[in-house]
């Protein structure tokens, strides 16, 4: 599906699409080419009925993604910087709003823009060697791909302020208390741990997963009564689909068999 020299590798494993940021010699520092390919891959995945879950990771042993390419940033003017931030936000929003659940497999450094990509995913499975942080403030700047918003959403205001305003790195074990890591694994077992984690999700019908995720996302944005109306509408949409009818009938058949 991908060439070895591509900055984004794609691999299908059953219903799971693996996307790998592929600049290991630069700790998978993010470039416009890489972000453009990632945006395109996410868009294509939405239309692929064979894909249930998307996993995002980084090539090599050292990094998920060490952030935006600082050398490139240093040469930008204000207009270019704004354009770059909007492009990054487009990809972050694509991950967050994806109808296919998204999992970040974080194998090492997830810094700056890399941390933002990980936070945009629905789940993070991290190696014990993983390191997270927003170093932007140490460069006299700030997160610009949605990091301030995602951090508050995923770890609460106090923790988000600590990470963004200090610019300090945090180990995966420290971050387990922050609430945004869903599973922690020994480094050598990270892939198998991620496979096991993903299987719990990908076993379910893709449309039901997507609608449920959308309702959950809206819960953070809508008043309760509006969110419940939205949920009911999505429930009804799913209820009319063949997989929902089959699921209910299968349950009734299993229950009847147990009673015999």
C-alpha atoms as a PDB file:
ATOM      1  CA  UNK A   1       0.000   0.000   0.000  1.00  0.00           C
ATOM      2  CA  UNK A   2       2.968   2.346   0.597  1.00  0.00           C
ATOM      3  CA  UNK A   3       6.515   2.729  -0.648  1.00  0.00           C
ATOM      4  CA  UNK A   4       9.388   2.401   1.813  1.00  0.00           C
ATOM      5  CA  UNK A   5      10.426   6.000   1.157  1.00  0.00           C
ATOM      6  CA  UNK A   6       6.984   7.519   1.737  1.00  0.00           C
ATOM      7  CA  UNK A   7       6.743   9.862   4.713  1.00  0.00           C
ATOM      8  CA  UNK A   8       3.461   8.143   5.617  1.00  0.00           C
ATOM      9  CA  UNK A   9       3.156   4.362   5.447  1.00  0.00           C
ATOM     10  CA  UNK A  10      -0.217   2.616   5.180  1.00  0.00           C
ATOM     11  CA  UNK A  11      -0.924  -1.004   6.060  1.00  0.00           C
ATOM     12  CA  UNK A  12      -4.189  -2.910   6.318  1.00  0.00           C
ATOM     13  CA  UNK A  13      -4.564  -5.658   8.919  1.00  0.00           C
ATOM     14  CA  UNK A  14      -8.116  -6.958   8.614  1.00  0.00           C
ATOM     15  CA  UNK A  15     -10.481  -4.119   9.586  1.00  0.00           C
ATOM     16  CA  UNK A  16      -7.632  -2.027  11.024  1.00  0.00           C
ATOM     17  CA  UNK A  17      -5.779   0.624   9.012  1.00  0.00           C
ATOM     18  CA  UNK A  18      -2.273   1.345  10.307  1.00  0.00           C
ATOM     19  CA  UNK A  19      -0.812   4.765   9.460  1.00  0.00           C
ATOM     20  CA  UNK A  20       2.885   5.220  10.277  1.00  0.00           C
ATOM     21  CA  UNK A  21       4.667   8.584  10.296  1.00  0.00           C
ATOM     22  CA  UNK A  22       7.905   7.724   8.528  1.00  0.00           C
ATOM     23  CA  UNK A  23      10.833  10.077   9.172  1.00  0.00           C
ATOM     24  CA  UNK A  24      12.608   8.109  11.901  1.00  0.00           C
ATOM     25  CA  UNK A  25      15.942   9.828  11.212  1.00  0.00           C
ATOM     26  CA  UNK A  26      14.280  13.123  12.265  1.00  0.00           C
ATOM     27  CA  UNK A  27      12.197  11.595  15.063  1.00  0.00           C
ATOM     28  CA  UNK A  28       9.221  11.730  12.684  1.00  0.00           C
ATOM     29  CA  UNK A  29       9.164  15.543  12.782  1.00  0.00           C
ATOM     30  CA  UNK A  30       6.067  16.675  10.931  1.00  0.00           C
ATOM     31  CA  UNK A  31       6.161  18.337   7.508  1.00  0.00           C
ATOM     32  CA  UNK A  32       3.452  19.723   5.185  1.00  0.00           C
ATOM     33  CA  UNK A  33       3.915  16.714   2.891  1.00  0.00           C
ATOM     34  CA  UNK A  34       3.403  14.296   5.776  1.00  0.00           C
ATOM     35  CA  UNK A  35       0.370  16.183   7.086  1.00  0.00           C
ATOM     36  CA  UNK A  36      -1.137  16.363   3.610  1.00  0.00           C
ATOM     37  CA  UNK A  37      -0.751  12.622   3.129  1.00  0.00           C
ATOM     38  CA  UNK A  38      -2.221  11.989   6.561  1.00  0.00           C
ATOM     39  CA  UNK A  39      -5.248  14.180   5.792  1.00  0.00           C
ATOM     40  CA  UNK A  40      -5.788  12.314   2.509  1.00  0.00           C
ATOM     41  CA  UNK A  41      -5.436   8.893   4.151  1.00  0.00           C
ATOM     42  CA  UNK A  42      -7.968   9.798   6.834  1.00  0.00           C
ATOM     43  CA  UNK A  43     -10.437  11.037   4.228  1.00  0.00           C
ATOM     44  CA  UNK A  44     -10.088   7.853   2.189  1.00  0.00           C
ATOM     45  CA  UNK A  45     -10.518   5.711   5.293  1.00  0.00           C
ATOM     46  CA  UNK A  46     -13.887   7.299   6.019  1.00  0.00           C
ATOM     47  CA  UNK A  47     -15.200   6.033   2.682  1.00  0.00           C
ATOM     48  CA  UNK A  48     -13.715   2.533   3.067  1.00  0.00           C
ATOM     49  CA  UNK A  49     -16.385   0.201   4.453  1.00  0.00           C
ATOM     50  CA  UNK A  50     -13.728  -2.412   5.205  1.00  0.00           C
ATOM     51  CA  UNK A  51     -11.975  -0.150   7.746  1.00  0.00           C
ATOM     52  CA  UNK A  52     -13.346  -0.153  11.291  1.00  0.00           C
ATOM     53  CA  UNK A  53     -10.451   1.361  13.271  1.00  0.00           C
ATOM     54  CA  UNK A  54      -7.452   3.555  12.435  1.00  0.00           C
ATOM     55  CA  UNK A  55      -4.139   3.270  14.303  1.00  0.00           C
ATOM     56  CA  UNK A  56      -1.574   6.077  14.062  1.00  0.00           C
ATOM     57  CA  UNK A  57       2.048   5.520  15.089  1.00  0.00           C
ATOM     58  CA  UNK A  58       5.622   6.556  14.325  1.00  0.00           C
ATOM     59  CA  UNK A  59       8.420   4.648  12.613  1.00  0.00           C
ATOM     60  CA  UNK A  60      11.491   3.555  14.539  1.00  0.00           C
ATOM     61  CA  UNK A  61      12.058   3.001  18.243  1.00  0.00           C
ATOM     62  CA  UNK A  62      12.515   6.567  19.465  1.00  0.00           C
ATOM     63  CA  UNK A  63       9.516   8.680  18.534  1.00  0.00           C
ATOM     64  CA  UNK A  64       5.836   8.814  17.704  1.00  0.00           C
ATOM     65  CA  UNK A  65       6.415  12.355  16.420  1.00  0.00           C
ATOM     66  CA  UNK A  66       8.725  14.970  17.914  1.00  0.00           C
ATOM     67  CA  UNK A  67       6.572  17.859  16.732  1.00  0.00           C
ATOM     68  CA  UNK A  68       6.645  20.324  13.878  1.00  0.00           C
ATOM     69  CA  UNK A  69       9.903  20.774  12.001  1.00  0.00           C
ATOM     70  CA  UNK A  70      11.484  23.707  13.901  1.00  0.00           C
ATOM     71  CA  UNK A  71      13.964  24.566  11.132  1.00  0.00           C
ATOM     72  CA  UNK A  72      11.066  25.065   8.743  1.00  0.00           C
ATOM     73  CA  UNK A  73       9.047  27.058  11.289  1.00  0.00           C
ATOM     74  CA  UNK A  74      11.922  29.439  11.923  1.00  0.00           C
ATOM     75  CA  UNK A  75      11.806  30.604   8.297  1.00  0.00           C
ATOM     76  CA  UNK A  76       8.093  31.430   8.210  1.00  0.00           C
ATOM     77  CA  UNK A  77       6.407  34.814   8.212  1.00  0.00           C
ATOM     78  CA  UNK A  78       3.158  35.491  10.092  1.00  0.00           C
ATOM     79  CA  UNK A  79       0.875  34.569   7.175  1.00  0.00           C
ATOM     80  CA  UNK A  80       2.733  31.306   6.555  1.00  0.00           C
ATOM     81  CA  UNK A  81       2.623  30.429  10.264  1.00  0.00           C
ATOM     82  CA  UNK A  82      -1.129  30.959  10.354  1.00  0.00           C
ATOM     83  CA  UNK A  83      -1.588  28.798   7.256  1.00  0.00           C
ATOM     84  CA  UNK A  84       0.573  26.072   8.793  1.00  0.00           C
ATOM     85  CA  UNK A  85      -1.449  26.101  12.006  1.00  0.00           C
ATOM     86  CA  UNK A  86      -4.732  25.837  10.117  1.00  0.00           C
ATOM     87  CA  UNK A  87      -3.391  22.868   8.127  1.00  0.00           C
ATOM     88  CA  UNK A  88      -2.350  21.152  11.337  1.00  0.00           C
ATOM     89  CA  UNK A  89      -5.730  21.841  12.889  1.00  0.00           C
ATOM     90  CA  UNK A  90      -7.445  20.333   9.841  1.00  0.00           C
ATOM     91  CA  UNK A  91      -5.660  17.022  10.427  1.00  0.00           C
ATOM     92  CA  UNK A  92      -6.256  17.141  14.183  1.00  0.00           C
ATOM     93  CA  UNK A  93      -9.968  17.742  13.597  1.00  0.00           C
ATOM     94  CA  UNK A  94     -10.057  14.915  11.050  1.00  0.00           C
ATOM     95  CA  UNK A  95      -8.729  12.524  13.697  1.00  0.00           C
ATOM     96  CA  UNK A  96     -11.093  13.834  16.365  1.00  0.00           C
ATOM     97  CA  UNK A  97     -14.175  13.763  14.118  1.00  0.00           C
ATOM     98  CA  UNK A  98     -13.299  10.549  12.246  1.00  0.00           C
ATOM     99  CA  UNK A  99     -16.260   8.167  12.062  1.00  0.00           C
ATOM    100  CA  UNK A 100     -13.725   5.385  12.468  1.00  0.00           C
ATOM    101  CA  UNK A 101     -12.341   5.211  16.038  1.00  0.00           C
ATOM    102  CA  UNK A 102      -8.695   6.271  16.164  1.00  0.00           C
ATOM    103  CA  UNK A 103      -5.870   4.902  18.323  1.00  0.00           C
ATOM    104  CA  UNK A 104      -2.428   6.451  18.800  1.00  0.00           C
ATOM    105  CA  UNK A 105       0.281   3.866  19.460  1.00  0.00           C
ATOM    106  CA  UNK A 106       2.955   6.015  21.105  1.00  0.00           C
ATOM    107  CA  UNK A 107       6.345   4.335  21.062  1.00  0.00           C
ATOM    108  CA  UNK A 108       8.594   7.233  22.178  1.00  0.00           C
ATOM    109  CA  UNK A 109       8.571  11.017  22.056  1.00  0.00           C
ATOM    110  CA  UNK A 110       5.177  12.635  21.431  1.00  0.00           C
ATOM    111  CA  UNK A 111       5.993  16.327  21.587  1.00  0.00           C
ATOM    112  CA  UNK A 112       4.335  19.489  20.325  1.00  0.00           C
ATOM    113  CA  UNK A 113       2.423  18.694  17.162  1.00  0.00           C
ATOM    114  CA  UNK A 114       3.027  14.994  17.752  1.00  0.00           C
ATOM    115  CA  UNK A 115       1.368  15.254  21.157  1.00  0.00           C
ATOM    116  CA  UNK A 116      -1.533  17.115  19.547  1.00  0.00           C
ATOM    117  CA  UNK A 117      -2.026  14.303  17.009  1.00  0.00           C
ATOM    118  CA  UNK A 118      -2.013  11.731  19.807  1.00  0.00           C
ATOM    119  CA  UNK A 119      -4.515  13.708  21.897  1.00  0.00           C
ATOM    120  CA  UNK A 120      -6.788  14.041  18.850  1.00  0.00           C
ATOM    121  CA  UNK A 121      -7.112  10.255  18.731  1.00  0.00           C
ATOM    122  CA  UNK A 122      -9.840   8.548  20.730  1.00  0.00           C
ATOM    123  CA  UNK A 123      -7.367   6.329  22.564  1.00  0.00           C
ATOM    124  CA  UNK A 124      -3.656   6.315  23.386  1.00  0.00           C
ATOM    125  CA  UNK A 125      -1.760   3.081  23.926  1.00  0.00           C
ATOM    126  CA  UNK A 126       1.711   4.028  25.147  1.00  0.00           C
ATOM    127  CA  UNK A 127       5.050   2.341  25.666  1.00  0.00           C
ATOM    128  CA  UNK A 128       6.581   2.670  29.115  1.00  0.00           C
ATOM    129  CA  UNK A 129       9.362   4.552  27.274  1.00  0.00           C
ATOM    130  CA  UNK A 130       6.962   7.140  25.839  1.00  0.00           C
ATOM    131  CA  UNK A 131       7.438  10.816  26.688  1.00  0.00           C
ATOM    132  CA  UNK A 132       4.814  13.553  26.274  1.00  0.00           C
ATOM    133  CA  UNK A 133       5.084  17.320  26.298  1.00  0.00           C
ATOM    134  CA  UNK A 134       4.354  20.735  24.851  1.00  0.00           C
ATOM    135  CA  UNK A 135       7.833  22.330  24.515  1.00  0.00           C
ATOM    136  CA  UNK A 136       6.523  25.294  22.496  1.00  0.00           C
ATOM    137  CA  UNK A 137       6.665  27.742  25.417  1.00  0.00           C
ATOM    138  CA  UNK A 138      10.426  27.123  25.725  1.00  0.00           C
ATOM    139  CA  UNK A 139      10.704  28.406  22.138  1.00  0.00           C
ATOM    140  CA  UNK A 140       8.718  31.548  23.057  1.00  0.00           C
ATOM    141  CA  UNK A 141       5.606  30.271  21.263  1.00  0.00           C
ATOM    142  CA  UNK A 142       2.598  28.062  22.075  1.00  0.00           C
ATOM    143  CA  UNK A 143       0.664  25.038  20.758  1.00  0.00           C
ATOM    144  CA  UNK A 144      -1.194  25.903  17.567  1.00  0.00           C
ATOM    145  CA  UNK A 145      -2.745  22.694  16.233  1.00  0.00           C
ATOM    146  CA  UNK A 146      -5.474  22.569  18.856  1.00  0.00           C
ATOM    147  CA  UNK A 147      -3.250  21.516  21.729  1.00  0.00           C
ATOM    148  CA  UNK A 148      -4.617  23.992  24.277  1.00  0.00           C
ATOM    149  CA  UNK A 149      -8.175  22.862  23.547  1.00  0.00           C
ATOM    150  CA  UNK A 150      -7.438  19.140  23.426  1.00  0.00           C
ATOM    151  CA  UNK A 151      -5.326  19.218  26.577  1.00  0.00           C
ATOM    152  CA  UNK A 152      -8.135  20.752  28.619  1.00  0.00           C
ATOM    153  CA  UNK A 153     -10.615  18.276  27.127  1.00  0.00           C
ATOM    154  CA  UNK A 154      -8.437  15.226  27.780  1.00  0.00           C
ATOM    155  CA  UNK A 155      -6.746  16.040  31.113  1.00  0.00           C
ATOM    156  CA  UNK A 156      -8.574  18.968  32.721  1.00  0.00           C
ATOM    157  CA  UNK A 157      -7.641  22.634  33.042  1.00  0.00           C
ATOM    158  CA  UNK A 158      -5.095  22.374  35.866  1.00  0.00           C
ATOM    159  CA  UNK A 159      -3.074  19.572  34.242  1.00  0.00           C
ATOM    160  CA  UNK A 160      -3.296  21.250  30.837  1.00  0.00           C
ATOM    161  CA  UNK A 161      -1.942  24.522  32.226  1.00  0.00           C
ATOM    162  CA  UNK A 162       0.900  22.656  33.908  1.00  0.00           C
ATOM    163  CA  UNK A 163       1.981  20.915  30.695  1.00  0.00           C
ATOM    164  CA  UNK A 164       1.508  23.870  28.326  1.00  0.00           C
ATOM    165  CA  UNK A 165       2.919  26.640  30.547  1.00  0.00           C
ATOM    166  CA  UNK A 166       5.888  24.702  31.942  1.00  0.00           C
ATOM    167  CA  UNK A 167       6.989  23.201  28.625  1.00  0.00           C
ATOM    168  CA  UNK A 168       8.300  20.216  30.570  1.00  0.00           C
ATOM    169  CA  UNK A 169       8.285  16.630  29.386  1.00  0.00           C
ATOM    170  CA  UNK A 170       6.343  13.968  31.273  1.00  0.00           C
ATOM    171  CA  UNK A 171       6.967  10.228  31.263  1.00  0.00           C
ATOM    172  CA  UNK A 172       4.194   7.850  30.284  1.00  0.00           C
ATOM    173  CA  UNK A 173       3.967   6.631  33.873  1.00  0.00           C
ATOM    174  CA  UNK A 174       3.481  10.192  35.120  1.00  0.00           C
ATOM    175  CA  UNK A 175       0.843  10.772  32.477  1.00  0.00           C
ATOM    176  CA  UNK A 176      -1.198   7.743  33.509  1.00  0.00           C
ATOM    177  CA  UNK A 177      -2.438   9.910  36.384  1.00  0.00           C
ATOM    178  CA  UNK A 178      -3.386  12.656  33.900  1.00  0.00           C
ATOM    179  CA  UNK A 179      -6.078  10.476  32.359  1.00  0.00           C
ATOM    180  CA  UNK A 180      -5.298  10.692  28.640  1.00  0.00           C
ATOM    181  CA  UNK A 181      -3.432   7.369  28.317  1.00  0.00           C
ATOM    182  CA  UNK A 182      -5.770   4.414  28.064  1.00  0.00           C
ATOM    183  CA  UNK A 183      -3.247   1.574  28.189  1.00  0.00           C
ATOM    184  CA  UNK A 184       0.441   1.311  29.130  1.00  0.00           C
ATOM    185  CA  UNK A 185       2.658  -1.505  27.846  1.00  0.00           C
ATOM    186  CA  UNK A 186       6.242  -2.696  28.075  1.00  0.00           C
ATOM    187  CA  UNK A 187       8.099  -1.342  25.048  1.00  0.00           C
ATOM    188  CA  UNK A 188       8.754  -4.786  23.545  1.00  0.00           C
ATOM    189  CA  UNK A 189       5.061  -5.673  23.877  1.00  0.00           C
ATOM    190  CA  UNK A 190       3.615  -2.412  22.544  1.00  0.00           C
ATOM    191  CA  UNK A 191       2.440  -3.753  19.172  1.00  0.00           C
ATOM    192  CA  UNK A 192       0.780  -6.834  20.660  1.00  0.00           C
ATOM    193  CA  UNK A 193      -0.832  -4.717  23.391  1.00  0.00           C
ATOM    194  CA  UNK A 194      -2.175  -2.334  20.756  1.00  0.00           C
ATOM    195  CA  UNK A 195      -3.492  -5.221  18.654  1.00  0.00           C
ATOM    196  CA  UNK A 196      -5.340  -6.582  21.694  1.00  0.00           C
ATOM    197  CA  UNK A 197      -6.716  -3.141  22.541  1.00  0.00           C
ATOM    198  CA  UNK A 198      -7.904  -2.549  18.977  1.00  0.00           C
ATOM    199  CA  UNK A 199      -9.577  -5.964  18.728  1.00  0.00           C
ATOM    200  CA  UNK A 200     -11.931  -4.970  21.557  1.00  0.00           C
ATOM    201  CA  UNK A 201     -13.246  -2.169  19.332  1.00  0.00           C
ATOM    202  CA  UNK A 202     -12.926  -3.444  15.771  1.00  0.00           C
ATOM    203  CA  UNK A 203     -15.086  -6.489  16.539  1.00  0.00           C
ATOM    204  CA  UNK A 204     -18.174  -4.258  16.530  1.00  0.00           C
ATOM    205  CA  UNK A 205     -20.055  -2.886  13.466  1.00  0.00           C
ATOM    206  CA  UNK A 206     -18.252   0.137  12.011  1.00  0.00           C
ATOM    207  CA  UNK A 207     -21.361   2.294  11.621  1.00  0.00           C
ATOM    208  CA  UNK A 208     -22.506   1.723  15.188  1.00  0.00           C
ATOM    209  CA  UNK A 209     -19.005   2.608  16.403  1.00  0.00           C
ATOM    210  CA  UNK A 210     -18.955   5.798  14.352  1.00  0.00           C
ATOM    211  CA  UNK A 211     -22.377   6.988  15.468  1.00  0.00           C
ATOM    212  CA  UNK A 212     -21.620   6.247  19.119  1.00  0.00           C
ATOM    213  CA  UNK A 213     -18.320   8.119  18.873  1.00  0.00           C
ATOM    214  CA  UNK A 214     -20.056  11.103  17.277  1.00  0.00           C
ATOM    215  CA  UNK A 215     -22.614  11.214  20.088  1.00  0.00           C
ATOM    216  CA  UNK A 216     -19.822  11.064  22.674  1.00  0.00           C
ATOM    217  CA  UNK A 217     -17.962  13.921  20.982  1.00  0.00           C
ATOM    218  CA  UNK A 218     -21.085  16.072  21.016  1.00  0.00           C
ATOM    219  CA  UNK A 219     -21.538  15.410  24.740  1.00  0.00           C
ATOM    220  CA  UNK A 220     -18.561  17.667  25.385  1.00  0.00           C
ATOM    221  CA  UNK A 221     -20.029  20.452  23.261  1.00  0.00           C
ATOM    222  CA  UNK A 222     -23.825  20.486  23.686  1.00  0.00           C
ATOM    223  CA  UNK A 223     -26.162  21.188  26.624  1.00  0.00           C
ATOM    224  CA  UNK A 224     -27.571  17.964  28.071  1.00  0.00           C
ATOM    225  CA  UNK A 225     -31.028  18.251  26.501  1.00  0.00           C
ATOM    226  CA  UNK A 226     -29.558  18.965  23.046  1.00  0.00           C
ATOM    227  CA  UNK A 227     -27.070  16.138  23.408  1.00  0.00           C
ATOM    228  CA  UNK A 228     -29.818  13.683  24.339  1.00  0.00           C
ATOM    229  CA  UNK A 229     -31.908  14.719  21.339  1.00  0.00           C
ATOM    230  CA  UNK A 230     -28.840  14.249  19.122  1.00  0.00           C
ATOM    231  CA  UNK A 231     -28.180  10.840  20.670  1.00  0.00           C
ATOM    232  CA  UNK A 232     -31.758   9.694  20.097  1.00  0.00           C
ATOM    233  CA  UNK A 233     -31.581  10.714  16.435  1.00  0.00           C
ATOM    234  CA  UNK A 234     -28.355   8.760  15.924  1.00  0.00           C
ATOM    235  CA  UNK A 235     -29.800   5.772  17.783  1.00  0.00           C
ATOM    236  CA  UNK A 236     -32.774   5.738  15.438  1.00  0.00           C
ATOM    237  CA  UNK A 237     -30.501   6.004  12.389  1.00  0.00           C
ATOM    238  CA  UNK A 238     -28.494   3.013  13.547  1.00  0.00           C
ATOM    239  CA  UNK A 239     -31.603   1.063  14.621  1.00  0.00           C
ATOM    240  CA  UNK A 240     -32.871   0.940  11.063  1.00  0.00           C
ATOM    241  CA  UNK A 241     -29.698  -0.671   9.721  1.00  0.00           C
ATOM    242  CA  UNK A 242     -29.431  -4.452   9.096  1.00  0.00           C
ATOM    243  CA  UNK A 243     -26.539  -4.919  11.538  1.00  0.00           C
ATOM    244  CA  UNK A 244     -28.640  -3.558  14.417  1.00  0.00           C
ATOM    245  CA  UNK A 245     -31.575  -5.844  13.644  1.00  0.00           C
ATOM    246  CA  UNK A 246     -29.205  -8.820  13.365  1.00  0.00           C
ATOM    247  CA  UNK A 247     -27.511  -7.916  16.625  1.00  0.00           C
ATOM    248  CA  UNK A 248     -30.799  -7.838  18.517  1.00  0.00           C
ATOM    249  CA  UNK A 249     -32.010 -11.101  16.977  1.00  0.00           C
ATOM    250  CA  UNK A 250     -28.693 -12.829  17.724  1.00  0.00           C
ATOM    251  CA  UNK A 251     -28.960 -11.756  21.359  1.00  0.00           C
ATOM    252  CA  UNK A 252     -32.485 -13.159  21.655  1.00  0.00           C
ATOM    253  CA  UNK A 253     -31.416 -16.445  20.071  1.00  0.00           C
ATOM    254  CA  UNK A 254     -28.446 -16.794  22.460  1.00  0.00           C
ATOM    255  CA  UNK A 255     -30.673 -16.042  25.460  1.00  0.00           C
ATOM    256  CA  UNK A 256     -33.246 -18.597  24.320  1.00  0.00           C
ATOM    257  CA  UNK A 257     -30.516 -21.215  23.884  1.00  0.00           C
ATOM    258  CA  UNK A 258     -29.268 -20.646  27.441  1.00  0.00           C
ATOM    259  CA  UNK A 259     -32.759 -21.164  28.864  1.00  0.00           C
ATOM    260  CA  UNK A 260     -33.096 -24.625  27.311  1.00  0.00           C
END
